[in-house]
Amino acid sequence: MVHFDFADSYYKEAVAALIKLSDNNDDTLLYHALLAISDCLSLDKELITKRLQQMHKFSKEAKSWEVNPIELLRLVYFKIAGEFVYSNETLIKIEDFKQGERIFYKSTHDLPSNEQMVIFVMFSIVNVFYGNNKEAIQIVNAMITHFPKSVQMTKSYASYIFTTLVYFKSKTPSGTNTEAMETIKSRLFAYQASKNTIPFIQSIFLAAQAYQSKNDKDYNCALIYAKRCLEIFKRNNLIVNQICILNLLISIYQELNEQEIKTEYINEKLSVLEQRKIAPSLFHFIAESR
């Protein structure tokens, strides 16, 4: 179930159903942690609050994880609720991980466990609110350093790790090279052929292509990719991803000197954040130059 297919409503429904059927606390916590990722991407404070309450019942099990998933979720909640967070143990662990310190125990197959993959994804989400794109790349590189075999397998989480690395690199001003883009494209085709690719991973790669096209000044392609992503993220209530793409569109139209269209997307972004009762200043940091 650790496919992270948040672009598929059936996936979330399936995980929710497993929670009702589960009679094992460790499994139930894992399922809640998976849905917590979706809750974070939705920027829905009510959903996150309810998820925290549900996960709190499994506090004992959460403490056995290398990084407590409840504390990771709590960090996201604090940020979108506008509460100030001082440096704490969980943030220190994330910083240590970025700097290459080993916080994960290796499995017998040198591959990440389900819990470790969830922690990795949560690290990336927490970084959206507390870090920048350079640090996002550090997180992915650290994961690959911990588990080098994880990107050599035809597994869904392998394609997830590899695709997110290309995505974050494409968001830098220099972008990623054509060879890297072609490599991930061929890998995704291979995963698709083996039925291991998933819509969410495909949408992340599509977003990477949008950013890279903008870096290459190929604005027509950038707009096509970005608008396709926007449709996917809107349809699946992936508000964090939606805001990122809206920022990209604003940046593209700024470079094209299309001020009227740029203003339309700014207003759309503000409207989305207002509906979620999120302070717009929270998302000013998601600038493509970072």
C-alpha atoms as a PDB file:
ATOM      1  CA  MET A   1       0.000   0.000   0.000  1.00  0.00           C
ATOM      2  CA  VAL A   2       3.007   2.336   0.218  1.00  0.00           C
ATOM      3  CA  HIS A   3       2.515   3.634  -3.330  1.00  0.00           C
ATOM      4  CA  PHE A   4       1.783   7.287  -2.437  1.00  0.00           C
ATOM      5  CA  ASP A   5      -0.763   7.456  -5.230  1.00  0.00           C
ATOM      6  CA  PHE A   6      -2.490  10.608  -4.044  1.00  0.00           C
ATOM      7  CA  ALA A   7      -3.648  11.342  -7.576  1.00  0.00           C
ATOM      8  CA  ASP A   8      -6.066   8.421  -7.266  1.00  0.00           C
ATOM      9  CA  SER A   9      -9.070   8.776  -4.950  1.00  0.00           C
ATOM     10  CA  TYR A  10      -9.484   4.992  -4.892  1.00  0.00           C
ATOM     11  CA  TYR A  11      -6.060   4.651  -3.281  1.00  0.00           C
ATOM     12  CA  LYS A  12      -7.061   6.850  -0.346  1.00  0.00           C
ATOM     13  CA  GLU A  13     -10.371   5.025  -0.043  1.00  0.00           C
ATOM     14  CA  ALA A  14      -8.546   1.694   0.001  1.00  0.00           C
ATOM     15  CA  VAL A  15      -6.179   2.825   2.759  1.00  0.00           C
ATOM     16  CA  ALA A  16      -9.123   4.169   4.791  1.00  0.00           C
ATOM     17  CA  ALA A  17     -10.866   0.805   4.388  1.00  0.00           C
ATOM     18  CA  LEU A  18      -7.762  -1.001   5.650  1.00  0.00           C
ATOM     19  CA  ILE A  19      -7.851   1.109   8.809  1.00  0.00           C
ATOM     20  CA  LYS A  20     -11.350  -0.171   9.553  1.00  0.00           C
ATOM     21  CA  LEU A  21     -10.336  -3.758   8.900  1.00  0.00           C
ATOM     22  CA  SER A  22      -6.988  -3.695  10.694  1.00  0.00           C
ATOM     23  CA  ASP A  23      -6.603  -5.400  14.052  1.00  0.00           C
ATOM     24  CA  ASN A  24      -2.885  -4.632  14.321  1.00  0.00           C
ATOM     25  CA  ASN A  25      -1.865  -1.302  15.865  1.00  0.00           C
ATOM     26  CA  ASP A  26       1.397  -1.057  13.940  1.00  0.00           C
ATOM     27  CA  ASP A  27      -0.373  -1.546  10.617  1.00  0.00           C
ATOM     28  CA  THR A  28      -3.135   0.877  11.580  1.00  0.00           C
ATOM     29  CA  LEU A  29      -0.593   3.572  12.436  1.00  0.00           C
ATOM     30  CA  LEU A  30       1.117   3.062   9.074  1.00  0.00           C
ATOM     31  CA  TYR A  31      -2.210   3.472   7.244  1.00  0.00           C
ATOM     32  CA  HIS A  32      -2.974   6.642   9.203  1.00  0.00           C
ATOM     33  CA  ALA A  33       0.502   7.982   8.403  1.00  0.00           C
ATOM     34  CA  LEU A  34      -0.130   7.397   4.685  1.00  0.00           C
ATOM     35  CA  LEU A  35      -3.373   9.340   4.862  1.00  0.00           C
ATOM     36  CA  ALA A  36      -1.633  12.022   6.936  1.00  0.00           C
ATOM     37  CA  ILE A  37       0.558  12.726   3.901  1.00  0.00           C
ATOM     38  CA  SER A  38      -2.567  13.264   1.812  1.00  0.00           C
ATOM     39  CA  ASP A  39      -4.036  15.487   4.554  1.00  0.00           C
ATOM     40  CA  CYS A  40      -0.904  17.647   4.514  1.00  0.00           C
ATOM     41  CA  LEU A  41      -0.998  18.022   0.744  1.00  0.00           C
ATOM     42  CA  SER A  42      -4.634  19.104   1.013  1.00  0.00           C
ATOM     43  CA  LEU A  43      -3.740  21.917   3.464  1.00  0.00           C
ATOM     44  CA  ASP A  44      -6.921  21.052   5.346  1.00  0.00           C
ATOM     45  CA  LYS A  45      -6.486  21.977   9.001  1.00  0.00           C
ATOM     46  CA  GLU A  46      -9.598  20.077  10.063  1.00  0.00           C
ATOM     47  CA  LEU A  47      -8.428  16.869   8.400  1.00  0.00           C
ATOM     48  CA  ILE A  48      -4.976  17.216   9.946  1.00  0.00           C
ATOM     49  CA  THR A  49      -6.476  17.883  13.381  1.00  0.00           C
ATOM     50  CA  LYS A  50      -8.652  14.768  13.128  1.00  0.00           C
ATOM     51  CA  ARG A  51      -5.719  12.723  11.886  1.00  0.00           C
ATOM     52  CA  LEU A  52      -3.595  13.831  14.832  1.00  0.00           C
ATOM     53  CA  GLN A  53      -6.366  12.803  17.213  1.00  0.00           C
ATOM     54  CA  GLN A  54      -6.655   9.387  15.540  1.00  0.00           C
ATOM     55  CA  MET A  55      -2.897   8.818  15.455  1.00  0.00           C
ATOM     56  CA  HIS A  56      -2.519   9.876  19.088  1.00  0.00           C
ATOM     57  CA  LYS A  57      -4.227   6.589  20.033  1.00  0.00           C
ATOM     58  CA  PHE A  58      -1.117   4.869  18.693  1.00  0.00           C
ATOM     59  CA  SER A  59       1.467   7.067  20.416  1.00  0.00           C
ATOM     60  CA  LYS A  60       3.226   4.035  21.850  1.00  0.00           C
ATOM     61  CA  GLU A  61       3.693   2.491  18.399  1.00  0.00           C
ATOM     62  CA  ALA A  62       4.724   5.850  16.907  1.00  0.00           C
ATOM     63  CA  LYS A  63       7.604   6.131  19.371  1.00  0.00           C
ATOM     64  CA  SER A  64       9.094   2.935  17.942  1.00  0.00           C
ATOM     65  CA  TRP A  65       9.548   4.591  14.540  1.00  0.00           C
ATOM     66  CA  GLU A  66      12.972   6.105  13.874  1.00  0.00           C
ATOM     67  CA  VAL A  67      11.214   9.472  13.593  1.00  0.00           C
ATOM     68  CA  ASN A  68       7.814   9.853  15.228  1.00  0.00           C
ATOM     69  CA  PRO A  69       5.209  10.367  12.432  1.00  0.00           C
ATOM     70  CA  ILE A  70       2.866  12.159  14.844  1.00  0.00           C
ATOM     71  CA  GLU A  71       5.538  14.765  15.548  1.00  0.00           C
ATOM     72  CA  LEU A  72       6.148  15.221  11.821  1.00  0.00           C
ATOM     73  CA  LEU A  73       2.442  15.799  11.224  1.00  0.00           C
ATOM     74  CA  ARG A  74       2.293  18.158  14.173  1.00  0.00           C
ATOM     75  CA  LEU A  75       5.051  20.307  12.622  1.00  0.00           C
ATOM     76  CA  VAL A  76       2.968  20.765   9.473  1.00  0.00           C
ATOM     77  CA  TYR A  77      -0.119  21.603  11.509  1.00  0.00           C
ATOM     78  CA  PHE A  78       1.745  24.255  13.508  1.00  0.00           C
ATOM     79  CA  LYS A  79       2.879  25.959  10.328  1.00  0.00           C
ATOM     80  CA  ILE A  80      -0.479  26.115   8.540  1.00  0.00           C
ATOM     81  CA  ALA A  81      -2.189  27.129  11.797  1.00  0.00           C
ATOM     82  CA  GLY A  82       0.197  30.068  12.060  1.00  0.00           C
ATOM     83  CA  GLU A  83       1.841  28.859  15.271  1.00  0.00           C
ATOM     84  CA  PHE A  84       5.517  29.651  15.805  1.00  0.00           C
ATOM     85  CA  VAL A  85       7.800  26.637  16.167  1.00  0.00           C
ATOM     86  CA  TYR A  86      11.121  26.778  17.923  1.00  0.00           C
ATOM     87  CA  SER A  87      13.819  24.321  16.950  1.00  0.00           C
ATOM     88  CA  ASN A  88      12.842  20.938  18.332  1.00  0.00           C
ATOM     89  CA  GLU A  89      14.088  17.383  18.326  1.00  0.00           C
ATOM     90  CA  THR A  90      12.250  16.398  15.150  1.00  0.00           C
ATOM     91  CA  LEU A  91      13.545  19.359  13.163  1.00  0.00           C
ATOM     92  CA  ILE A  92      17.051  18.573  14.403  1.00  0.00           C
ATOM     93  CA  LYS A  93      16.685  14.976  13.169  1.00  0.00           C
ATOM     94  CA  ILE A  94      15.637  16.235   9.739  1.00  0.00           C
ATOM     95  CA  GLU A  95      18.644  18.567   9.646  1.00  0.00           C
ATOM     96  CA  ASP A  96      20.957  15.736  10.680  1.00  0.00           C
ATOM     97  CA  PHE A  97      19.497  13.560   7.923  1.00  0.00           C
ATOM     98  CA  LYS A  98      20.107  16.295   5.330  1.00  0.00           C
ATOM     99  CA  GLN A  99      23.710  16.503   6.460  1.00  0.00           C
ATOM    100  CA  GLY A 100      24.194  12.788   5.877  1.00  0.00           C
ATOM    101  CA  GLU A 101      23.819  11.427   9.394  1.00  0.00           C
ATOM    102  CA  ARG A 102      22.346   7.942   9.446  1.00  0.00           C
ATOM    103  CA  ILE A 103      19.024   7.889  11.265  1.00  0.00           C
ATOM    104  CA  PHE A 104      17.570   4.828   9.543  1.00  0.00           C
ATOM    105  CA  TYR A 105      18.471   1.254  10.373  1.00  0.00           C
ATOM    106  CA  LYS A 106      19.237  -0.821   7.295  1.00  0.00           C
ATOM    107  CA  SER A 107      17.039  -3.767   6.508  1.00  0.00           C
ATOM    108  CA  THR A 108      18.438  -7.117   5.479  1.00  0.00           C
ATOM    109  CA  HIS A 109      17.854  -6.232   1.818  1.00  0.00           C
ATOM    110  CA  ASP A 110      19.321  -2.717   2.082  1.00  0.00           C
ATOM    111  CA  LEU A 111      15.965  -1.309   1.039  1.00  0.00           C
ATOM    112  CA  PRO A 112      13.791   1.124   2.999  1.00  0.00           C
ATOM    113  CA  SER A 113      10.931  -0.255   5.063  1.00  0.00           C
ATOM    114  CA  ASN A 114       7.403   1.053   4.622  1.00  0.00           C
ATOM    115  CA  GLU A 115       7.816   3.201   7.732  1.00  0.00           C
ATOM    116  CA  GLN A 116      11.099   4.641   6.455  1.00  0.00           C
ATOM    117  CA  MET A 117       9.526   5.552   3.118  1.00  0.00           C
ATOM    118  CA  VAL A 118       6.686   7.340   4.921  1.00  0.00           C
ATOM    119  CA  ILE A 119       9.202   9.242   7.056  1.00  0.00           C
ATOM    120  CA  PHE A 120      11.130  10.230   3.917  1.00  0.00           C
ATOM    121  CA  VAL A 121       7.997  11.606   2.244  1.00  0.00           C
ATOM    122  CA  MET A 122       7.018  13.418   5.446  1.00  0.00           C
ATOM    123  CA  PHE A 123      10.533  14.922   5.618  1.00  0.00           C
ATOM    124  CA  SER A 124       9.974  16.365   2.145  1.00  0.00           C
ATOM    125  CA  ILE A 125       6.577  17.775   3.142  1.00  0.00           C
ATOM    126  CA  VAL A 126       7.884  19.316   6.356  1.00  0.00           C
ATOM    127  CA  ASN A 127      10.676  20.853   4.285  1.00  0.00           C
ATOM    128  CA  VAL A 128       8.062  22.632   2.149  1.00  0.00           C
ATOM    129  CA  PHE A 129       7.157  24.650   5.243  1.00  0.00           C
ATOM    130  CA  TYR A 130      10.513  24.885   7.015  1.00  0.00           C
ATOM    131  CA  GLY A 131      13.176  24.617   4.312  1.00  0.00           C
ATOM    132  CA  ASN A 132      13.886  25.387   0.678  1.00  0.00           C
ATOM    133  CA  ASN A 133      14.450  23.607  -2.618  1.00  0.00           C
ATOM    134  CA  LYS A 134      18.183  23.116  -2.021  1.00  0.00           C
ATOM    135  CA  GLU A 135      17.376  21.300   1.212  1.00  0.00           C
ATOM    136  CA  ALA A 136      14.721  19.239  -0.574  1.00  0.00           C
ATOM    137  CA  ILE A 137      17.439  17.956  -2.904  1.00  0.00           C
ATOM    138  CA  GLN A 138      19.619  17.182   0.123  1.00  0.00           C
ATOM    139  CA  ILE A 139      16.820  15.083   1.630  1.00  0.00           C
ATOM    140  CA  VAL A 140      16.430  12.984  -1.536  1.00  0.00           C
ATOM    141  CA  ASN A 141      20.197  12.589  -1.948  1.00  0.00           C
ATOM    142  CA  ALA A 142      20.474  11.500   1.696  1.00  0.00           C
ATOM    143  CA  MET A 143      17.786   8.869   1.124  1.00  0.00           C
ATOM    144  CA  ILE A 144      19.643   7.529  -1.907  1.00  0.00           C
ATOM    145  CA  THR A 145      22.888   7.496   0.091  1.00  0.00           C
ATOM    146  CA  HIS A 146      21.154   5.534   2.862  1.00  0.00           C
ATOM    147  CA  PHE A 147      19.558   3.098   0.422  1.00  0.00           C
ATOM    148  CA  PRO A 148      21.424   3.124  -2.926  1.00  0.00           C
ATOM    149  CA  LYS A 149      19.568   0.013  -4.085  1.00  0.00           C
ATOM    150  CA  SER A 150      16.254   1.818  -3.685  1.00  0.00           C
ATOM    151  CA  VAL A 151      16.601   3.572  -7.048  1.00  0.00           C
ATOM    152  CA  GLN A 152      17.806   0.483  -8.888  1.00  0.00           C
ATOM    153  CA  MET A 153      14.651  -1.547  -8.400  1.00  0.00           C
ATOM    154  CA  THR A 154      11.488  -1.622 -10.508  1.00  0.00           C
ATOM    155  CA  LYS A 155       9.396  -0.704  -7.499  1.00  0.00           C
ATOM    156  CA  SER A 156       6.940   2.168  -7.152  1.00  0.00           C
ATOM    157  CA  TYR A 157       8.909   3.766  -4.326  1.00  0.00           C
ATOM    158  CA  ALA A 158      12.068   3.587  -6.463  1.00  0.00           C
ATOM    159  CA  SER A 159      10.403   5.622  -9.189  1.00  0.00           C
ATOM    160  CA  TYR A 160       9.060   7.993  -6.520  1.00  0.00           C
ATOM    161  CA  ILE A 161      12.533   8.720  -5.100  1.00  0.00           C
ATOM    162  CA  PHE A 162      14.105   9.125  -8.530  1.00  0.00           C
ATOM    163  CA  THR A 163      11.287  11.309  -9.881  1.00  0.00           C
ATOM    164  CA  THR A 164      11.263  13.635  -6.882  1.00  0.00           C
ATOM    165  CA  LEU A 165      15.008  14.166  -7.279  1.00  0.00           C
ATOM    166  CA  VAL A 166      14.532  15.213 -10.908  1.00  0.00           C
ATOM    167  CA  TYR A 167      11.570  17.379  -9.878  1.00  0.00           C
ATOM    168  CA  PHE A 168      13.470  19.321  -7.215  1.00  0.00           C
ATOM    169  CA  LYS A 169      16.499  19.720  -9.466  1.00  0.00           C
ATOM    170  CA  SER A 170      14.302  21.063 -12.266  1.00  0.00           C
ATOM    171  CA  LYS A 171      13.088  23.790  -9.882  1.00  0.00           C
ATOM    172  CA  THR A 172      16.594  25.243  -9.562  1.00  0.00           C
ATOM    173  CA  PRO A 173      17.509  28.088 -11.972  1.00  0.00           C
ATOM    174  CA  SER A 174      20.018  25.852 -13.756  1.00  0.00           C
ATOM    175  CA  GLY A 175      17.484  23.040 -13.898  1.00  0.00           C
ATOM    176  CA  THR A 176      18.445  19.449 -14.626  1.00  0.00           C
ATOM    177  CA  ASN A 177      20.199  18.181 -17.713  1.00  0.00           C
ATOM    178  CA  THR A 178      18.470  16.609 -20.691  1.00  0.00           C
ATOM    179  CA  GLU A 179      20.124  13.261 -20.032  1.00  0.00           C
ATOM    180  CA  ALA A 180      18.587  13.091 -16.538  1.00  0.00           C
ATOM    181  CA  MET A 181      15.142  13.936 -17.924  1.00  0.00           C
ATOM    182  CA  GLU A 182      15.463  11.238 -20.586  1.00  0.00           C
ATOM    183  CA  THR A 183      16.665   8.721 -18.009  1.00  0.00           C
ATOM    184  CA  ILE A 184      13.657   9.253 -15.765  1.00  0.00           C
ATOM    185  CA  LYS A 185      11.347   9.192 -18.775  1.00  0.00           C
ATOM    186  CA  SER A 186      12.715   5.809 -19.880  1.00  0.00           C
ATOM    187  CA  ARG A 187      12.453   4.534 -16.297  1.00  0.00           C
ATOM    188  CA  LEU A 188       8.834   5.620 -16.040  1.00  0.00           C
ATOM    189  CA  PHE A 189       8.073   3.829 -19.300  1.00  0.00           C
ATOM    190  CA  ALA A 190       9.757   0.715 -17.877  1.00  0.00           C
ATOM    191  CA  TYR A 191       7.774   0.999 -14.637  1.00  0.00           C
ATOM    192  CA  GLN A 192       4.602   1.467 -16.642  1.00  0.00           C
ATOM    193  CA  ALA A 193       5.352  -1.639 -18.659  1.00  0.00           C
ATOM    194  CA  SER A 194       5.796  -3.586 -15.420  1.00  0.00           C
ATOM    195  CA  LYS A 195       2.631  -1.977 -14.006  1.00  0.00           C
ATOM    196  CA  ASN A 196       4.603  -0.313 -11.196  1.00  0.00           C
ATOM    197  CA  THR A 197       4.129   3.315 -12.199  1.00  0.00           C
ATOM    198  CA  ILE A 198       1.340   5.353 -10.641  1.00  0.00           C
ATOM    199  CA  PRO A 199      -0.502   8.553 -11.644  1.00  0.00           C
ATOM    200  CA  PHE A 200       0.952  10.666  -8.819  1.00  0.00           C
ATOM    201  CA  ILE A 201       4.527   9.886  -9.887  1.00  0.00           C
ATOM    202  CA  GLN A 202       3.615  10.672 -13.479  1.00  0.00           C
ATOM    203  CA  SER A 203       2.166  14.025 -12.426  1.00  0.00           C
ATOM    204  CA  ILE A 204       5.339  14.892 -10.498  1.00  0.00           C
ATOM    205  CA  PHE A 205       7.435  14.137 -13.573  1.00  0.00           C
ATOM    206  CA  LEU A 206       5.050  16.247 -15.651  1.00  0.00           C
ATOM    207  CA  ALA A 207       5.652  19.108 -13.226  1.00  0.00           C
ATOM    208  CA  ALA A 208       9.415  18.586 -13.576  1.00  0.00           C
ATOM    209  CA  GLN A 209       9.043  18.891 -17.339  1.00  0.00           C
ATOM    210  CA  ALA A 210       7.120  22.147 -16.862  1.00  0.00           C
ATOM    211  CA  TYR A 211       9.883  23.637 -14.702  1.00  0.00           C
ATOM    212  CA  GLN A 212      12.617  22.414 -17.040  1.00  0.00           C
ATOM    213  CA  SER A 213      10.831  23.827 -20.081  1.00  0.00           C
ATOM    214  CA  LYS A 214      10.639  27.201 -18.352  1.00  0.00           C
ATOM    215  CA  ASN A 215      14.374  27.003 -17.574  1.00  0.00           C
ATOM    216  CA  ASP A 216      14.969  26.312 -21.270  1.00  0.00           C
ATOM    217  CA  LYS A 217      12.752  29.316 -22.188  1.00  0.00           C
ATOM    218  CA  ASP A 218      10.388  26.936 -23.989  1.00  0.00           C
ATOM    219  CA  TYR A 219       7.345  28.713 -22.616  1.00  0.00           C
ATOM    220  CA  ASN A 220       4.780  27.007 -24.848  1.00  0.00           C
ATOM    221  CA  CYS A 221       5.735  23.563 -23.571  1.00  0.00           C
ATOM    222  CA  ALA A 222       6.064  24.869 -20.017  1.00  0.00           C
ATOM    223  CA  LEU A 223       2.499  26.199 -20.123  1.00  0.00           C
ATOM    224  CA  ILE A 224       1.118  22.973 -21.606  1.00  0.00           C
ATOM    225  CA  TYR A 225       2.787  20.831 -18.929  1.00  0.00           C
ATOM    226  CA  ALA A 226       1.914  23.231 -16.095  1.00  0.00           C
ATOM    227  CA  LYS A 227      -1.755  23.504 -17.021  1.00  0.00           C
ATOM    228  CA  ARG A 228      -2.077  19.722 -17.287  1.00  0.00           C
ATOM    229  CA  CYS A 229      -0.546  19.424 -13.818  1.00  0.00           C
ATOM    230  CA  LEU A 230      -2.880  22.065 -12.475  1.00  0.00           C
ATOM    231  CA  GLU A 231      -5.896  20.072 -13.644  1.00  0.00           C
ATOM    232  CA  ILE A 232      -4.594  16.904 -11.972  1.00  0.00           C
ATOM    233  CA  PHE A 233      -3.763  18.616  -8.680  1.00  0.00           C
ATOM    234  CA  LYS A 234      -7.091  20.470  -8.559  1.00  0.00           C
ATOM    235  CA  ARG A 235      -9.052  17.310  -9.259  1.00  0.00           C
ATOM    236  CA  ASN A 236      -7.318  15.435  -6.450  1.00  0.00           C
ATOM    237  CA  ASN A 237      -7.279  18.219  -3.863  1.00  0.00           C
ATOM    238  CA  LEU A 238      -3.466  18.370  -3.820  1.00  0.00           C
ATOM    239  CA  ILE A 239      -3.356  21.992  -2.736  1.00  0.00           C
ATOM    240  CA  VAL A 240       0.368  22.190  -1.944  1.00  0.00           C
ATOM    241  CA  ASN A 241       1.189  20.937  -5.444  1.00  0.00           C
ATOM    242  CA  GLN A 242      -1.467  23.217  -6.904  1.00  0.00           C
ATOM    243  CA  ILE A 243       0.083  26.279  -5.250  1.00  0.00           C
ATOM    244  CA  CYS A 244       3.519  25.325  -6.576  1.00  0.00           C
ATOM    245  CA  ILE A 245       2.178  25.122 -10.128  1.00  0.00           C
ATOM    246  CA  LEU A 246       0.286  28.395  -9.735  1.00  0.00           C
ATOM    247  CA  ASN A 247       3.552  30.006  -8.648  1.00  0.00           C
ATOM    248  CA  LEU A 248       5.207  28.537 -11.723  1.00  0.00           C
ATOM    249  CA  LEU A 249       2.489  29.914 -14.006  1.00  0.00           C
ATOM    250  CA  ILE A 250       2.786  33.333 -12.348  1.00  0.00           C
ATOM    251  CA  SER A 251       6.537  33.245 -12.962  1.00  0.00           C
ATOM    252  CA  ILE A 252       6.127  32.202 -16.608  1.00  0.00           C
ATOM    253  CA  TYR A 253       3.643  34.963 -17.381  1.00  0.00           C
ATOM    254  CA  GLN A 254       5.869  37.448 -15.573  1.00  0.00           C
ATOM    255  CA  GLU A 255       8.728  36.540 -17.932  1.00  0.00           C
ATOM    256  CA  LEU A 256       6.341  36.765 -20.896  1.00  0.00           C
ATOM    257  CA  ASN A 257       5.222  40.188 -19.644  1.00  0.00           C
ATOM    258  CA  GLU A 258       1.600  39.002 -19.702  1.00  0.00           C
ATOM    259  CA  GLN A 259       0.570  40.985 -16.635  1.00  0.00           C
ATOM    260  CA  GLU A 260      -3.174  40.465 -16.974  1.00  0.00           C
ATOM    261  CA  ILE A 261      -2.912  36.665 -17.073  1.00  0.00           C
ATOM    262  CA  LYS A 262      -0.302  36.755 -14.310  1.00  0.00           C
ATOM    263  CA  THR A 263      -2.756  38.690 -12.125  1.00  0.00           C
ATOM    264  CA  GLU A 264      -5.482  36.106 -12.808  1.00  0.00           C
ATOM    265  CA  TYR A 265      -3.263  33.330 -11.457  1.00  0.00           C
ATOM    266  CA  ILE A 266      -2.234  35.428  -8.461  1.00  0.00           C
ATOM    267  CA  ASN A 267      -5.907  35.931  -7.643  1.00  0.00           C
ATOM    268  CA  GLU A 268      -6.584  32.218  -8.093  1.00  0.00           C
ATOM    269  CA  LYS A 269      -3.756  31.386  -5.702  1.00  0.00           C
ATOM    270  CA  LEU A 270      -5.035  33.861  -3.097  1.00  0.00           C
ATOM    271  CA  SER A 271      -8.546  32.455  -3.461  1.00  0.00           C
ATOM    272  CA  VAL A 272      -7.333  28.891  -2.864  1.00  0.00           C
ATOM    273  CA  LEU A 273      -5.439  29.947   0.259  1.00  0.00           C
ATOM    274  CA  GLU A 274      -8.378  31.988   1.526  1.00  0.00           C
ATOM    275  CA  GLN A 275     -10.691  28.992   1.185  1.00  0.00           C
ATOM    276  CA  ARG A 276      -8.242  27.020   3.335  1.00  0.00           C
ATOM    277  CA  LYS A 277      -7.838  29.973   5.736  1.00  0.00           C
ATOM    278  CA  ILE A 278      -4.092  29.896   5.123  1.00  0.00           C
ATOM    279  CA  ALA A 279      -2.055  33.098   5.365  1.00  0.00           C
ATOM    280  CA  PRO A 280      -0.726  33.951   1.865  1.00  0.00           C
ATOM    281  CA  SER A 281       2.635  34.874   3.400  1.00  0.00           C
ATOM    282  CA  LEU A 282       3.159  31.194   4.202  1.00  0.00           C
ATOM    283  CA  PHE A 283       3.555  30.435   0.513  1.00  0.00           C
ATOM    284  CA  HIS A 284       5.614  33.407  -0.528  1.00  0.00           C
ATOM    285  CA  PHE A 285       8.709  31.331   0.131  1.00  0.00           C
ATOM    286  CA  ILE A 286       7.918  28.877  -2.655  1.00  0.00           C
ATOM    287  CA  ALA A 287       9.853  30.943  -5.172  1.00  0.00           C
ATOM    288  CA  GLU A 288      11.403  29.180  -8.132  1.00  0.00           C
ATOM    289  CA  SER A 289      14.760  30.835  -7.448  1.00  0.00           C
ATOM    290  CA  ARG A 290      15.199  29.040  -4.135  1.00  0.00           C
END
